Amino acid sequence: MTPFAVAIVNYNTREHLRACLTTVQPEAPSEMVVVDNASSDGSVEMVQANYPRVMLCANKVNLGYGPAANQAVARCTTKYALLLNSDTLLPHNACLLLHIFSIF
């Protein structure tokens, strides 16, 4: 399987982020990166407590989606990165498509 990373931008969507990470884990990404844009809803603490494999970047201020997305992708070391909003739910085997497209 082609190594890939999942990068997620979050701002005050703790429960959406939890659901997103729950659907990402079975896809077995090489890396999971979450950039949190200064959430005040406990998102950072939830990631730290429940998802130790996630590389978490907790911004002190809300940089906005674009800069946070760039920050998330820049932290990925794999050739391929899947950038997600925190309210995205991946269907089972969704990342097989990434593998299929990477061989062409």
PDB file of N, CA and C in Angstrom:
ATOM      1  N   MET A   1       0.851  -1.177   0.000  1.00  0.00           N
ATOM      2  CA  MET A   1       0.000   0.000   0.000  1.00  0.00           C
ATOM      3  C   MET A   1       0.897   1.241   0.000  1.00  0.00           C
ATOM      4  N   THR A   2       0.513   2.226  -0.745  1.00  0.00           N
ATOM      5  CA  THR A   2       1.259   3.467  -0.831  1.00  0.00           C
ATOM      6  C   THR A   2       1.157   4.240   0.487  1.00  0.00           C
ATOM      7  N   PRO A   3       2.293   4.650   1.050  1.00  0.00           N
ATOM      8  CA  PRO A   3       2.235   5.443   2.282  1.00  0.00           C
ATOM      9  C   PRO A   3       1.545   6.790   2.018  1.00  0.00           C
ATOM     10  N   PHE A   4       0.677   7.167   2.935  1.00  0.00           N
ATOM     11  CA  PHE A   4      -0.001   8.449   2.807  1.00  0.00           C
ATOM     12  C   PHE A   4      -0.265   9.020   4.189  1.00  0.00           C
ATOM     13  N   ALA A   5      -0.455  10.326   4.216  1.00  0.00           N
ATOM     14  CA  ALA A   5      -0.776  11.024   5.456  1.00  0.00           C
ATOM     15  C   ALA A   5      -2.180  11.594   5.355  1.00  0.00           C
ATOM     16  N   VAL A   6      -2.789  11.786   6.499  1.00  0.00           N
ATOM     17  CA  VAL A   6      -4.069  12.490   6.577  1.00  0.00           C
ATOM     18  C   VAL A   6      -3.823  13.743   7.408  1.00  0.00           C
ATOM     19  N   ALA A   7      -4.182  14.890   6.837  1.00  0.00           N
ATOM     20  CA  ALA A   7      -4.016  16.179   7.497  1.00  0.00           C
ATOM     21  C   ALA A   7      -5.399  16.788   7.708  1.00  0.00           C
ATOM     22  N   ILE A   8      -5.657  17.243   8.921  1.00  0.00           N
ATOM     23  CA  ILE A   8      -6.984  17.752   9.276  1.00  0.00           C
ATOM     24  C   ILE A   8      -6.841  19.113   9.940  1.00  0.00           C
ATOM     25  N   VAL A   9      -7.682  20.053   9.527  1.00  0.00           N
ATOM     26  CA  VAL A   9      -7.748  21.367  10.164  1.00  0.00           C
ATOM     27  C   VAL A   9      -8.993  21.394  11.039  1.00  0.00           C
ATOM     28  N   ASN A  10      -8.829  21.889  12.260  1.00  0.00           N
ATOM     29  CA  ASN A  10      -9.929  21.924  13.215  1.00  0.00           C
ATOM     30  C   ASN A  10     -10.051  23.295  13.865  1.00  0.00           C
ATOM     31  N   TYR A  11     -11.307  23.684  14.106  1.00  0.00           N
ATOM     32  CA  TYR A  11     -11.583  24.868  14.930  1.00  0.00           C
ATOM     33  C   TYR A  11     -12.928  24.666  15.621  1.00  0.00           C
ATOM     34  N   ASN A  12     -12.876  24.403  16.912  1.00  0.00           N
ATOM     35  CA  ASN A  12     -14.073  24.269  17.747  1.00  0.00           C
ATOM     36  C   ASN A  12     -15.092  23.251  17.232  1.00  0.00           C
ATOM     37  N   THR A  13     -14.605  22.132  16.735  1.00  0.00           N
ATOM     38  CA  THR A  13     -15.509  21.063  16.278  1.00  0.00           C
ATOM     39  C   THR A  13     -15.080  19.732  16.891  1.00  0.00           C
ATOM     40  N   ARG A  14     -14.897  19.714  18.209  1.00  0.00           N
ATOM     41  CA  ARG A  14     -14.347  18.548  18.913  1.00  0.00           C
ATOM     42  C   ARG A  14     -15.052  17.241  18.543  1.00  0.00           C
ATOM     43  N   GLU A  15     -16.362  17.213  18.598  1.00  0.00           N
ATOM     44  CA  GLU A  15     -17.072  15.956  18.340  1.00  0.00           C
ATOM     45  C   GLU A  15     -17.013  15.560  16.871  1.00  0.00           C
ATOM     46  N   HIS A  16     -17.039  16.525  15.973  1.00  0.00           N
ATOM     47  CA  HIS A  16     -16.840  16.209  14.552  1.00  0.00           C
ATOM     48  C   HIS A  16     -15.431  15.652  14.341  1.00  0.00           C
ATOM     49  N   LEU A  17     -14.447  16.289  14.985  1.00  0.00           N
ATOM     50  CA  LEU A  17     -13.065  15.827  14.855  1.00  0.00           C
ATOM     51  C   LEU A  17     -12.911  14.413  15.394  1.00  0.00           C
ATOM     52  N   ARG A  18     -13.528  14.126  16.524  1.00  0.00           N
ATOM     53  CA  ARG A  18     -13.480  12.767  17.096  1.00  0.00           C
ATOM     54  C   ARG A  18     -14.042  11.751  16.088  1.00  0.00           C
ATOM     55  N   ALA A  19     -15.183  12.064  15.499  1.00  0.00           N
ATOM     56  CA  ALA A  19     -15.796  11.165  14.512  1.00  0.00           C
ATOM     57  C   ALA A  19     -14.897  11.021  13.285  1.00  0.00           C
ATOM     58  N   CYS A  20     -14.320  12.112  12.840  1.00  0.00           N
ATOM     59  CA  CYS A  20     -13.421  12.081  11.687  1.00  0.00           C
ATOM     60  C   CYS A  20     -12.233  11.164  11.967  1.00  0.00           C
ATOM     61  N   LEU A  21     -11.557  11.371  13.081  1.00  0.00           N
ATOM     62  CA  LEU A  21     -10.399  10.544  13.426  1.00  0.00           C
ATOM     63  C   LEU A  21     -10.775   9.079  13.584  1.00  0.00           C
ATOM     64  N   THR A  22     -11.972   8.816  14.071  1.00  0.00           N
ATOM     65  CA  THR A  22     -12.445   7.444  14.218  1.00  0.00           C
ATOM     66  C   THR A  22     -12.568   6.756  12.860  1.00  0.00           C
ATOM     67  N   THR A  23     -12.970   7.500  11.827  1.00  0.00           N
ATOM     68  CA  THR A  23     -13.075   6.901  10.488  1.00  0.00           C
ATOM     69  C   THR A  23     -11.735   6.886   9.760  1.00  0.00           C
ATOM     70  N   VAL A  24     -10.812   7.737  10.147  1.00  0.00           N
ATOM     71  CA  VAL A  24      -9.492   7.782   9.507  1.00  0.00           C
ATOM     72  C   VAL A  24      -8.616   6.630   9.990  1.00  0.00           C
ATOM     73  N   GLN A  25      -8.641   6.318  11.272  1.00  0.00           N
ATOM     74  CA  GLN A  25      -7.749   5.296  11.835  1.00  0.00           C
ATOM     75  C   GLN A  25      -7.789   3.956  11.105  1.00  0.00           C
ATOM     76  N   PRO A  26      -8.967   3.405  10.772  1.00  0.00           N
ATOM     77  CA  PRO A  26      -8.977   2.109  10.080  1.00  0.00           C
ATOM     78  C   PRO A  26      -8.350   2.143   8.683  1.00  0.00           C
ATOM     79  N   GLU A  27      -8.190   3.327   8.118  1.00  0.00           N
ATOM     80  CA  GLU A  27      -7.573   3.446   6.792  1.00  0.00           C
ATOM     81  C   GLU A  27      -6.052   3.307   6.868  1.00  0.00           C
ATOM     82  N   ALA A  28      -5.519   3.268   8.078  1.00  0.00           N
ATOM     83  CA  ALA A  28      -4.097   3.028   8.355  1.00  0.00           C
ATOM     84  C   ALA A  28      -3.155   3.995   7.646  1.00  0.00           C
ATOM     85  N   PRO A  29      -3.375   5.300   7.830  1.00  0.00           N
ATOM     86  CA  PRO A  29      -2.421   6.239   7.241  1.00  0.00           C
ATOM     87  C   PRO A  29      -1.065   6.135   7.941  1.00  0.00           C
ATOM     88  N   SER A  30      -0.020   6.454   7.217  1.00  0.00           N
ATOM     89  CA  SER A  30       1.318   6.461   7.809  1.00  0.00           C
ATOM     90  C   SER A  30       1.438   7.549   8.860  1.00  0.00           C
ATOM     91  N   GLU A  31       0.733   8.644   8.624  1.00  0.00           N
ATOM     92  CA  GLU A  31       0.756   9.786   9.535  1.00  0.00           C
ATOM     93  C   GLU A  31      -0.633  10.387   9.631  1.00  0.00           C
ATOM     94  N   MET A  32      -0.937  10.935  10.801  1.00  0.00           N
ATOM     95  CA  MET A  32      -2.151  11.723  10.985  1.00  0.00           C
ATOM     96  C   MET A  32      -1.724  13.041  11.626  1.00  0.00           C
ATOM     97  N   VAL A  33      -2.096  14.140  10.992  1.00  0.00           N
ATOM     98  CA  VAL A  33      -1.729  15.464  11.479  1.00  0.00           C
ATOM     99  C   VAL A  33      -3.005  16.264  11.703  1.00  0.00           C
ATOM    100  N   VAL A  34      -3.126  16.869  12.868  1.00  0.00           N
ATOM    101  CA  VAL A  34      -4.237  17.772  13.154  1.00  0.00           C
ATOM    102  C   VAL A  34      -3.653  19.132  13.498  1.00  0.00           C
ATOM    103  N   VAL A  35      -4.111  20.152  12.791  1.00  0.00           N
ATOM    104  CA  VAL A  35      -3.778  21.525  13.154  1.00  0.00           C
ATOM    105  C   VAL A  35      -5.038  22.133  13.743  1.00  0.00           C
ATOM    106  N   ASP A  36      -4.929  22.533  14.994  1.00  0.00           N
ATOM    107  CA  ASP A  36      -6.055  23.149  15.685  1.00  0.00           C
ATOM    108  C   ASP A  36      -5.850  24.657  15.727  1.00  0.00           C
ATOM    109  N   ASN A  37      -6.860  25.374  15.283  1.00  0.00           N
ATOM    110  CA  ASN A  37      -6.797  26.828  15.182  1.00  0.00           C
ATOM    111  C   ASN A  37      -7.312  27.520  16.450  1.00  0.00           C
ATOM    112  N   ALA A  38      -6.682  27.236  17.585  1.00  0.00           N
ATOM    113  CA  ALA A  38      -6.993  27.898  18.858  1.00  0.00           C
ATOM    114  C   ALA A  38      -8.420  27.623  19.337  1.00  0.00           C
ATOM    115  N   SER A  39      -8.832  26.364  19.255  1.00  0.00           N
ATOM    116  CA  SER A  39     -10.167  25.982  19.727  1.00  0.00           C
ATOM    117  C   SER A  39     -10.291  26.191  21.229  1.00  0.00           C
ATOM    118  N   SER A  40     -11.516  26.476  21.650  1.00  0.00           N
ATOM    119  CA  SER A  40     -11.799  26.649  23.080  1.00  0.00           C
ATOM    120  C   SER A  40     -12.778  25.582  23.586  1.00  0.00           C
ATOM    121  N   ASP A  41     -12.998  24.532  22.784  1.00  0.00           N
ATOM    122  CA  ASP A  41     -13.997  23.513  23.120  1.00  0.00           C
ATOM    123  C   ASP A  41     -13.395  22.197  23.616  1.00  0.00           C
ATOM    124  N   GLY A  42     -12.111  22.185  23.916  1.00  0.00           N
ATOM    125  CA  GLY A  42     -11.473  20.961  24.395  1.00  0.00           C
ATOM    126  C   GLY A  42     -10.975  20.050  23.289  1.00  0.00           C
ATOM    127  N   SER A  43     -10.941  20.524  22.065  1.00  0.00           N
ATOM    128  CA  SER A  43     -10.468  19.706  20.938  1.00  0.00           C
ATOM    129  C   SER A  43      -9.040  19.220  21.148  1.00  0.00           C
ATOM    130  N   VAL A  44      -8.169  20.118  21.556  1.00  0.00           N
ATOM    131  CA  VAL A  44      -6.755  19.765  21.740  1.00  0.00           C
ATOM    132  C   VAL A  44      -6.610  18.684  22.801  1.00  0.00           C
ATOM    133  N   GLU A  45      -7.289  18.863  23.912  1.00  0.00           N
ATOM    134  CA  GLU A  45      -7.208  17.891  25.000  1.00  0.00           C
ATOM    135  C   GLU A  45      -7.781  16.537  24.578  1.00  0.00           C
ATOM    136  N   MET A  46      -8.846  16.544  23.791  1.00  0.00           N
ATOM    137  CA  MET A  46      -9.446  15.296  23.313  1.00  0.00           C
ATOM    138  C   MET A  46      -8.454  14.536  22.427  1.00  0.00           C
ATOM    139  N   VAL A  47      -7.794  15.246  21.518  1.00  0.00           N
ATOM    140  CA  VAL A  47      -6.810  14.588  20.641  1.00  0.00           C
ATOM    141  C   VAL A  47      -5.663  14.037  21.478  1.00  0.00           C
ATOM    142  N   GLN A  48      -5.151  14.829  22.397  1.00  0.00           N
ATOM    143  CA  GLN A  48      -4.033  14.383  23.237  1.00  0.00           C
ATOM    144  C   GLN A  48      -4.403  13.150  24.054  1.00  0.00           C
ATOM    145  N   ALA A  49      -5.616  13.104  24.571  1.00  0.00           N
ATOM    146  CA  ALA A  49      -6.037  11.999  25.440  1.00  0.00           C
ATOM    147  C   ALA A  49      -6.387  10.731  24.672  1.00  0.00           C
ATOM    148  N   ASN A  50      -6.955  10.874  23.485  1.00  0.00           N
ATOM    149  CA  ASN A  50      -7.521   9.708  22.790  1.00  0.00           C
ATOM    150  C   ASN A  50      -6.790   9.266  21.528  1.00  0.00           C
ATOM    151  N   TYR A  51      -5.932  10.095  20.996  1.00  0.00           N
ATOM    152  CA  TYR A  51      -5.281   9.777  19.719  1.00  0.00           C
ATOM    153  C   TYR A  51      -3.779  10.045  19.813  1.00  0.00           C
ATOM    154  N   PRO A  52      -3.046   9.207  20.529  1.00  0.00           N
ATOM    155  CA  PRO A  52      -1.614   9.452  20.727  1.00  0.00           C
ATOM    156  C   PRO A  52      -0.783   9.399  19.445  1.00  0.00           C
ATOM    157  N   ARG A  53      -1.280   8.739  18.408  1.00  0.00           N
ATOM    158  CA  ARG A  53      -0.544   8.667  17.125  1.00  0.00           C
ATOM    159  C   ARG A  53      -0.640   9.961  16.318  1.00  0.00           C
ATOM    160  N   VAL A  54      -1.568  10.827  16.678  1.00  0.00           N
ATOM    161  CA  VAL A  54      -1.782  12.058  15.914  1.00  0.00           C
ATOM    162  C   VAL A  54      -0.708  13.076  16.256  1.00  0.00           C
ATOM    163  N   MET A  55      -0.102  13.630  15.207  1.00  0.00           N
ATOM    164  CA  MET A  55       0.804  14.753  15.382  1.00  0.00           C
ATOM    165  C   MET A  55      -0.076  15.999  15.486  1.00  0.00           C
ATOM    166  N   LEU A  56      -0.080  16.621  16.641  1.00  0.00           N
ATOM    167  CA  LEU A  56      -0.969  17.741  16.909  1.00  0.00           C
ATOM    168  C   LEU A  56      -0.200  19.049  16.928  1.00  0.00           C
ATOM    169  N   CYS A  57      -0.706  20.007  16.197  1.00  0.00           N
ATOM    170  CA  CYS A  57      -0.165  21.368  16.218  1.00  0.00           C
ATOM    171  C   CYS A  57      -1.282  22.269  16.730  1.00  0.00           C
ATOM    172  N   ALA A  58      -1.117  22.782  17.941  1.00  0.00           N
ATOM    173  CA  ALA A  58      -2.138  23.624  18.563  1.00  0.00           C
ATOM    174  C   ALA A  58      -1.734  25.091  18.411  1.00  0.00           C
ATOM    175  N   ASN A  59      -2.356  25.761  17.459  1.00  0.00           N
ATOM    176  CA  ASN A  59      -2.056  27.177  17.245  1.00  0.00           C
ATOM    177  C   ASN A  59      -2.587  28.017  18.403  1.00  0.00           C
ATOM    178  N   LYS A  60      -1.877  29.062  18.743  1.00  0.00           N
ATOM    179  CA  LYS A  60      -2.290  29.977  19.817  1.00  0.00           C
ATOM    180  C   LYS A  60      -3.378  30.935  19.355  1.00  0.00           C
ATOM    181  N   VAL A  61      -3.439  31.188  18.021  1.00  0.00           N
ATOM    182  CA  VAL A  61      -4.461  32.053  17.436  1.00  0.00           C
ATOM    183  C   VAL A  61      -5.039  31.344  16.214  1.00  0.00           C
ATOM    184  N   ASN A  62      -6.240  31.753  15.822  1.00  0.00           N
ATOM    185  CA  ASN A  62      -6.880  31.183  14.647  1.00  0.00           C
ATOM    186  C   ASN A  62      -6.264  31.823  13.402  1.00  0.00           C
ATOM    187  N   LEU A  63      -5.481  31.047  12.686  1.00  0.00           N
ATOM    188  CA  LEU A  63      -4.814  31.542  11.483  1.00  0.00           C
ATOM    189  C   LEU A  63      -5.723  31.548  10.260  1.00  0.00           C
ATOM    190  N   GLY A  64      -6.871  30.874  10.365  1.00  0.00           N
ATOM    191  CA  GLY A  64      -7.742  30.700   9.207  1.00  0.00           C
ATOM    192  C   GLY A  64      -7.465  29.363   8.555  1.00  0.00           C
ATOM    193  N   TYR A  65      -8.408  28.941   7.707  1.00  0.00           N
ATOM    194  CA  TYR A  65      -8.311  27.603   7.127  1.00  0.00           C
ATOM    195  C   TYR A  65      -7.095  27.445   6.217  1.00  0.00           C
ATOM    196  N   GLY A  66      -6.892  28.373   5.303  1.00  0.00           N
ATOM    197  CA  GLY A  66      -5.797  28.235   4.328  1.00  0.00           C
ATOM    198  C   GLY A  66      -4.434  28.091   4.974  1.00  0.00           C
ATOM    199  N   PRO A  67      -4.042  29.026   5.837  1.00  0.00           N
ATOM    200  CA  PRO A  67      -2.738  28.881   6.485  1.00  0.00           C
ATOM    201  C   PRO A  67      -2.624  27.610   7.337  1.00  0.00           C
ATOM    202  N   ALA A  68      -3.714  27.233   8.015  1.00  0.00           N
ATOM    203  CA  ALA A  68      -3.678  26.015   8.828  1.00  0.00           C
ATOM    204  C   ALA A  68      -3.552  24.778   7.943  1.00  0.00           C
ATOM    205  N   ALA A  69      -4.215  24.777   6.801  1.00  0.00           N
ATOM    206  CA  ALA A  69      -4.096  23.656   5.863  1.00  0.00           C
ATOM    207  C   ALA A  69      -2.661  23.537   5.350  1.00  0.00           C
ATOM    208  N   ASN A  70      -2.059  24.664   5.014  1.00  0.00           N
ATOM    209  CA  ASN A  70      -0.654  24.657   4.574  1.00  0.00           C
ATOM    210  C   ASN A  70       0.247  24.133   5.681  1.00  0.00           C
ATOM    211  N   GLN A  71      -0.019  24.544   6.893  1.00  0.00           N
ATOM    212  CA  GLN A  71       0.745  24.098   8.056  1.00  0.00           C
ATOM    213  C   GLN A  71       0.615  22.580   8.225  1.00  0.00           C
ATOM    214  N   ALA A  72      -0.586  22.057   8.089  1.00  0.00           N
ATOM    215  CA  ALA A  72      -0.830  20.623   8.252  1.00  0.00           C
ATOM    216  C   ALA A  72      -0.107  19.810   7.186  1.00  0.00           C
ATOM    217  N   VAL A  73      -0.249  20.220   5.937  1.00  0.00           N
ATOM    218  CA  VAL A  73       0.387  19.481   4.842  1.00  0.00           C
ATOM    219  C   VAL A  73       1.908  19.570   4.945  1.00  0.00           C
ATOM    220  N   ALA A  74       2.422  20.707   5.372  1.00  0.00           N
ATOM    221  CA  ALA A  74       3.873  20.877   5.514  1.00  0.00           C
ATOM    222  C   ALA A  74       4.460  19.928   6.552  1.00  0.00           C
ATOM    223  N   ARG A  75       3.681  19.510   7.523  1.00  0.00           N
ATOM    224  CA  ARG A  75       4.167  18.592   8.560  1.00  0.00           C
ATOM    225  C   ARG A  75       4.161  17.139   8.096  1.00  0.00           C
ATOM    226  N   CYS A  76       3.515  16.867   6.994  1.00  0.00           N
ATOM    227  CA  CYS A  76       3.464  15.499   6.464  1.00  0.00           C
ATOM    228  C   CYS A  76       4.778  15.171   5.762  1.00  0.00           C
ATOM    229  N   THR A  77       5.263  13.970   5.973  1.00  0.00           N
ATOM    230  CA  THR A  77       6.522  13.561   5.347  1.00  0.00           C
ATOM    231  C   THR A  77       6.320  12.572   4.206  1.00  0.00           C
ATOM    232  N   THR A  78       5.092  12.148   3.979  1.00  0.00           N
ATOM    233  CA  THR A  78       4.819  11.199   2.903  1.00  0.00           C
ATOM    234  C   THR A  78       4.662  11.930   1.575  1.00  0.00           C
ATOM    235  N   LYS A  79       4.744  11.176   0.508  1.00  0.00           N
ATOM    236  CA  LYS A  79       4.581  11.762  -0.826  1.00  0.00           C
ATOM    237  C   LYS A  79       3.145  12.235  -1.047  1.00  0.00           C
ATOM    238  N   TYR A  80       2.187  11.534  -0.457  1.00  0.00           N
ATOM    239  CA  TYR A  80       0.772  11.852  -0.641  1.00  0.00           C
ATOM    240  C   TYR A  80       0.142  12.244   0.689  1.00  0.00           C
ATOM    241  N   ALA A  81      -0.665  13.289   0.638  1.00  0.00           N
ATOM    242  CA  ALA A  81      -1.395  13.735   1.832  1.00  0.00           C
ATOM    243  C   ALA A  81      -2.849  13.978   1.449  1.00  0.00           C
ATOM    244  N   LEU A  82      -3.727  13.526   2.291  1.00  0.00           N
ATOM    245  CA  LEU A  82      -5.157  13.732   2.115  1.00  0.00           C
ATOM    246  C   LEU A  82      -5.576  14.803   3.113  1.00  0.00           C
ATOM    247  N   LEU A  83      -5.990  15.968   2.618  1.00  0.00           N
ATOM    248  CA  LEU A  83      -6.392  17.081   3.470  1.00  0.00           C
ATOM    249  C   LEU A  83      -7.894  17.007   3.701  1.00  0.00           C
ATOM    250  N   LEU A  84      -8.289  16.998   4.982  1.00  0.00           N
ATOM    251  CA  LEU A  84      -9.697  16.866   5.335  1.00  0.00           C
ATOM    252  C   LEU A  84     -10.159  18.007   6.226  1.00  0.00           C
ATOM    253  N   ASN A  85     -11.422  18.347   6.091  1.00  0.00           N
ATOM    254  CA  ASN A  85     -12.086  19.178   7.091  1.00  0.00           C
ATOM    255  C   ASN A  85     -12.408  18.271   8.273  1.00  0.00           C
ATOM    256  N   SER A  86     -12.557  18.863   9.442  1.00  0.00           N
ATOM    257  CA  SER A  86     -12.778  18.051  10.637  1.00  0.00           C
ATOM    258  C   SER A  86     -14.139  17.366  10.669  1.00  0.00           C
ATOM    259  N   ASP A  87     -15.061  17.774   9.812  1.00  0.00           N
ATOM    260  CA  ASP A  87     -16.377  17.130   9.789  1.00  0.00           C
ATOM    261  C   ASP A  87     -16.500  16.066   8.697  1.00  0.00           C
ATOM    262  N   THR A  88     -15.369  15.657   8.132  1.00  0.00           N
ATOM    263  CA  THR A  88     -15.362  14.622   7.098  1.00  0.00           C
ATOM    264  C   THR A  88     -15.378  13.236   7.731  1.00  0.00           C
ATOM    265  N   LEU A  89     -16.211  12.363   7.184  1.00  0.00           N
ATOM    266  CA  LEU A  89     -16.236  10.962   7.591  1.00  0.00           C
ATOM    267  C   LEU A  89     -15.831  10.118   6.392  1.00  0.00           C
ATOM    268  N   LEU A  90     -14.769   9.354   6.550  1.00  0.00           N
ATOM    269  CA  LEU A  90     -14.299   8.511   5.446  1.00  0.00           C
ATOM    270  C   LEU A  90     -15.050   7.189   5.433  1.00  0.00           C
ATOM    271  N   PRO A  91     -15.548   6.775   4.266  1.00  0.00           N
ATOM    272  CA  PRO A  91     -16.134   5.440   4.174  1.00  0.00           C
ATOM    273  C   PRO A  91     -15.022   4.392   4.230  1.00  0.00           C
ATOM    274  N   HIS A  92     -15.382   3.191   4.622  1.00  0.00           N
ATOM    275  CA  HIS A  92     -14.419   2.095   4.706  1.00  0.00           C
ATOM    276  C   HIS A  92     -13.728   1.903   3.359  1.00  0.00           C
ATOM    277  N   ASN A  93     -12.414   1.730   3.397  1.00  0.00           N
ATOM    278  CA  ASN A  93     -11.563   1.527   2.213  1.00  0.00           C
ATOM    279  C   ASN A  93     -11.485   2.739   1.300  1.00  0.00           C
ATOM    280  N   ALA A  94     -11.803   3.901   1.792  1.00  0.00           N
ATOM    281  CA  ALA A  94     -11.732   5.114   0.972  1.00  0.00           C
ATOM    282  C   ALA A  94     -10.319   5.367   0.465  1.00  0.00           C
ATOM    283  N   CYS A  95      -9.336   5.036   1.239  1.00  0.00           N
ATOM    284  CA  CYS A  95      -7.964   5.347   0.857  1.00  0.00           C
ATOM    285  C   CYS A  95      -7.379   4.359  -0.139  1.00  0.00           C
ATOM    286  N   LEU A  96      -8.115   3.303  -0.468  1.00  0.00           N
ATOM    287  CA  LEU A  96      -7.677   2.431  -1.558  1.00  0.00           C
ATOM    288  C   LEU A  96      -7.603   3.206  -2.863  1.00  0.00           C
ATOM    289  N   LEU A  97      -8.496   4.184  -3.031  1.00  0.00           N
ATOM    290  CA  LEU A  97      -8.454   5.014  -4.240  1.00  0.00           C
ATOM    291  C   LEU A  97      -7.146   5.773  -4.339  1.00  0.00           C
ATOM    292  N   LEU A  98      -6.651   6.256  -3.215  1.00  0.00           N
ATOM    293  CA  LEU A  98      -5.369   6.950  -3.203  1.00  0.00           C
ATOM    294  C   LEU A  98      -4.272   6.012  -3.692  1.00  0.00           C
ATOM    295  N   HIS A  99      -4.299   4.774  -3.246  1.00  0.00           N
ATOM    296  CA  HIS A  99      -3.320   3.783  -3.687  1.00  0.00           C
ATOM    297  C   HIS A  99      -3.462   3.514  -5.179  1.00  0.00           C
ATOM    298  N   ILE A 100      -4.666   3.343  -5.654  1.00  0.00           N
ATOM    299  CA  ILE A 100      -4.895   3.059  -7.070  1.00  0.00           C
ATOM    300  C   ILE A 100      -4.382   4.193  -7.949  1.00  0.00           C
ATOM    301  N   PHE A 101      -4.703   5.444  -7.560  1.00  0.00           N
ATOM    302  CA  PHE A 101      -4.262   6.578  -8.364  1.00  0.00           C
ATOM    303  C   PHE A 101      -2.747   6.791  -8.284  1.00  0.00           C
ATOM    304  N   SER A 102      -2.123   6.365  -7.212  1.00  0.00           N
ATOM    305  CA  SER A 102      -0.679   6.574  -7.060  1.00  0.00           C
ATOM    306  C   SER A 102       0.133   5.670  -7.971  1.00  0.00           C
ATOM    307  N   ILE A 103      -0.443   4.584  -8.471  1.00  0.00           N
ATOM    308  CA  ILE A 103       0.319   3.685  -9.326  1.00  0.00           C
ATOM    309  C   ILE A 103       0.281   4.099 -10.792  1.00  0.00           C
ATOM    310  N   PHE A 104      -0.516   5.111 -11.120  1.00  0.00           N
ATOM    311  CA  PHE A 104      -0.579   5.570 -12.503  1.00  0.00           C
ATOM    312  C   PHE A 104       0.334   6.727 -12.749  1.00  0.00           C
TER     313      PHE A 104
END
